[in-house]
Amino acid sequence: MYLKVSGSTITYPYSVYDLKTENPNTSFPTSIPDSLLEEFGVYKVELKDSGYDDDDSKNVVEITPTLSGSIYVQTYQITDADTDTINKRKEIKWAEVRTKRNTLLNESD
């Protein structure tokens, strides 16, 4: 995953396809080295788990990565979910559990 820095504007997410589309008259190698990407203001983003993937009580939204030293790191905004949202998420998970259970029971017959 990449992002592009142009002046004070950050475009995220960004891809090598986007880079090639924006620069149709440029011939890029098959594997583009980081140093060449940086010449175009394109930087890799280090992927990071939010830590809240299985927590129904939190809303997790990916936001623009932050610069940590010389590396851009995937960043999340974490907020508390309201009661209705939490209950809906639990209903969905229980429906998935029941569906899997029913499938396993049918396969065992």
Protein backbone atom coordinates (compact mmCIF):
# COMPACT_ATOMS: atom_id res chain seq x y z
CA MET A 1 0.00 0.00 0.00
CA TYR A 2 1.26 3.47 -0.85
CA LEU A 3 0.51 7.14 -0.42
CA LYS A 4 1.52 10.14 -2.51
CA VAL A 5 2.75 13.43 -1.09
CA SER A 6 2.35 16.48 -3.30
CA GLY A 7 3.16 19.70 -1.47
CA SER A 8 0.97 19.65 1.62
CA THR A 9 -1.54 17.23 0.07
CA ILE A 10 -1.48 13.50 0.82
CA THR A 11 -3.34 11.12 -1.48
CA TYR A 12 -4.19 7.88 0.26
CA PRO A 13 -4.62 5.15 -0.68
CA TYR A 14 -2.39 5.33 -3.74
CA SER A 15 -1.10 2.57 -6.00
CA VAL A 16 1.60 1.89 -8.55
CA TYR A 17 -1.23 1.76 -11.10
CA ASP A 18 -2.15 5.36 -10.13
CA LEU A 19 1.49 6.40 -10.58
CA LYS A 20 1.68 4.84 -14.04
CA THR A 21 -1.66 6.35 -15.04
CA GLU A 22 -0.53 9.83 -13.96
CA ASN A 23 2.76 9.43 -15.84
CA PRO A 24 1.85 7.74 -19.15
CA ASN A 25 5.04 8.90 -20.89
CA THR A 26 7.32 7.40 -18.25
CA SER A 27 8.69 3.89 -18.60
CA PHE A 28 8.84 2.20 -15.21
CA PRO A 29 10.70 -1.03 -14.44
CA THR A 30 8.62 -4.09 -13.54
CA SER A 31 9.72 -3.83 -9.92
CA ILE A 32 9.94 -0.16 -8.96
CA PRO A 33 12.56 0.52 -6.28
CA ASP A 34 11.60 2.71 -3.31
CA SER A 35 14.14 5.34 -4.36
CA LEU A 36 12.39 5.82 -7.73
CA LEU A 37 8.95 5.91 -6.10
CA GLU A 38 10.19 8.64 -3.74
CA GLU A 39 11.26 10.74 -6.74
CA PHE A 40 7.57 10.87 -7.63
CA GLY A 41 6.51 11.58 -4.02
CA VAL A 42 5.21 8.03 -3.54
CA TYR A 43 5.95 6.21 -0.29
CA LYS A 44 5.18 2.75 1.07
CA VAL A 45 2.84 2.56 4.03
CA GLU A 46 3.70 0.10 6.79
CA LEU A 47 0.57 -1.90 7.53
CA LYS A 48 -0.47 -2.06 11.16
CA ASP A 49 -3.32 -3.92 12.84
CA SER A 50 -5.76 -1.65 14.65
CA GLY A 51 -5.93 -4.06 17.59
CA TYR A 52 -9.73 -3.72 17.67
CA ASP A 53 -10.78 -6.03 14.84
CA ASP A 54 -12.81 -8.35 17.09
CA ASP A 55 -14.14 -5.69 19.44
CA ASP A 56 -17.83 -5.04 18.72
CA SER A 57 -17.81 -2.06 21.08
CA LYS A 58 -15.43 0.03 18.94
CA ASN A 59 -15.76 1.77 15.58
CA VAL A 60 -12.48 1.48 13.69
CA VAL A 61 -11.89 3.82 10.75
CA GLU A 62 -8.66 3.94 8.81
CA ILE A 63 -7.37 7.50 8.39
CA THR A 64 -4.39 9.03 6.62
CA PRO A 65 -1.17 7.30 7.68
CA THR A 66 1.19 9.19 9.97
CA LEU A 67 4.89 9.74 9.47
CA SER A 68 6.86 7.94 12.16
CA GLY A 69 10.53 8.76 11.72
CA SER A 70 11.07 8.12 8.00
CA ILE A 71 8.22 5.62 7.59
CA TYR A 72 4.51 6.18 6.99
CA VAL A 73 2.43 3.94 9.27
CA GLN A 74 -1.20 2.91 8.79
CA THR A 75 -3.32 4.79 11.34
CA TYR A 76 -6.82 4.33 12.72
CA GLN A 77 -9.40 6.47 14.47
CA ILE A 78 -11.03 4.50 17.29
CA THR A 79 -14.36 5.58 18.79
CA ASP A 80 -16.94 3.89 20.99
CA ALA A 81 -19.85 2.30 19.15
CA ASP A 82 -23.40 3.03 20.22
CA THR A 83 -25.59 0.31 21.74
CA ASP A 84 -27.62 -0.28 18.55
CA THR A 85 -24.46 -0.81 16.49
CA ILE A 86 -23.01 -3.19 19.07
CA ASN A 87 -26.23 -5.24 19.13
CA LYS A 88 -26.37 -5.41 15.30
CA ARG A 89 -22.77 -6.60 15.14
CA LYS A 90 -23.49 -9.31 17.71
CA GLU A 91 -26.58 -10.43 15.77
CA ILE A 92 -24.50 -10.76 12.60
CA LYS A 93 -21.81 -12.79 14.36
CA TRP A 94 -24.38 -15.13 15.94
CA ALA A 95 -26.05 -15.61 12.54
CA GLU A 96 -22.65 -16.60 11.10
CA VAL A 97 -22.08 -19.06 13.95
CA ARG A 98 -25.52 -20.61 13.47
CA THR A 99 -24.99 -20.91 9.70
CA LYS A 100 -21.67 -22.66 10.19
CA ARG A 101 -23.18 -24.96 12.85
CA ASN A 102 -26.08 -25.87 10.54
CA THR A 103 -23.71 -26.59 7.67
CA LEU A 104 -21.58 -28.86 9.84
CA LEU A 105 -24.68 -30.67 11.13
CA ASN A 106 -25.98 -31.22 7.59
CA GLU A 107 -22.59 -32.55 6.47
CA SER A 108 -22.49 -35.01 9.35
CA ASP A 109 -25.84 -36.64 8.45
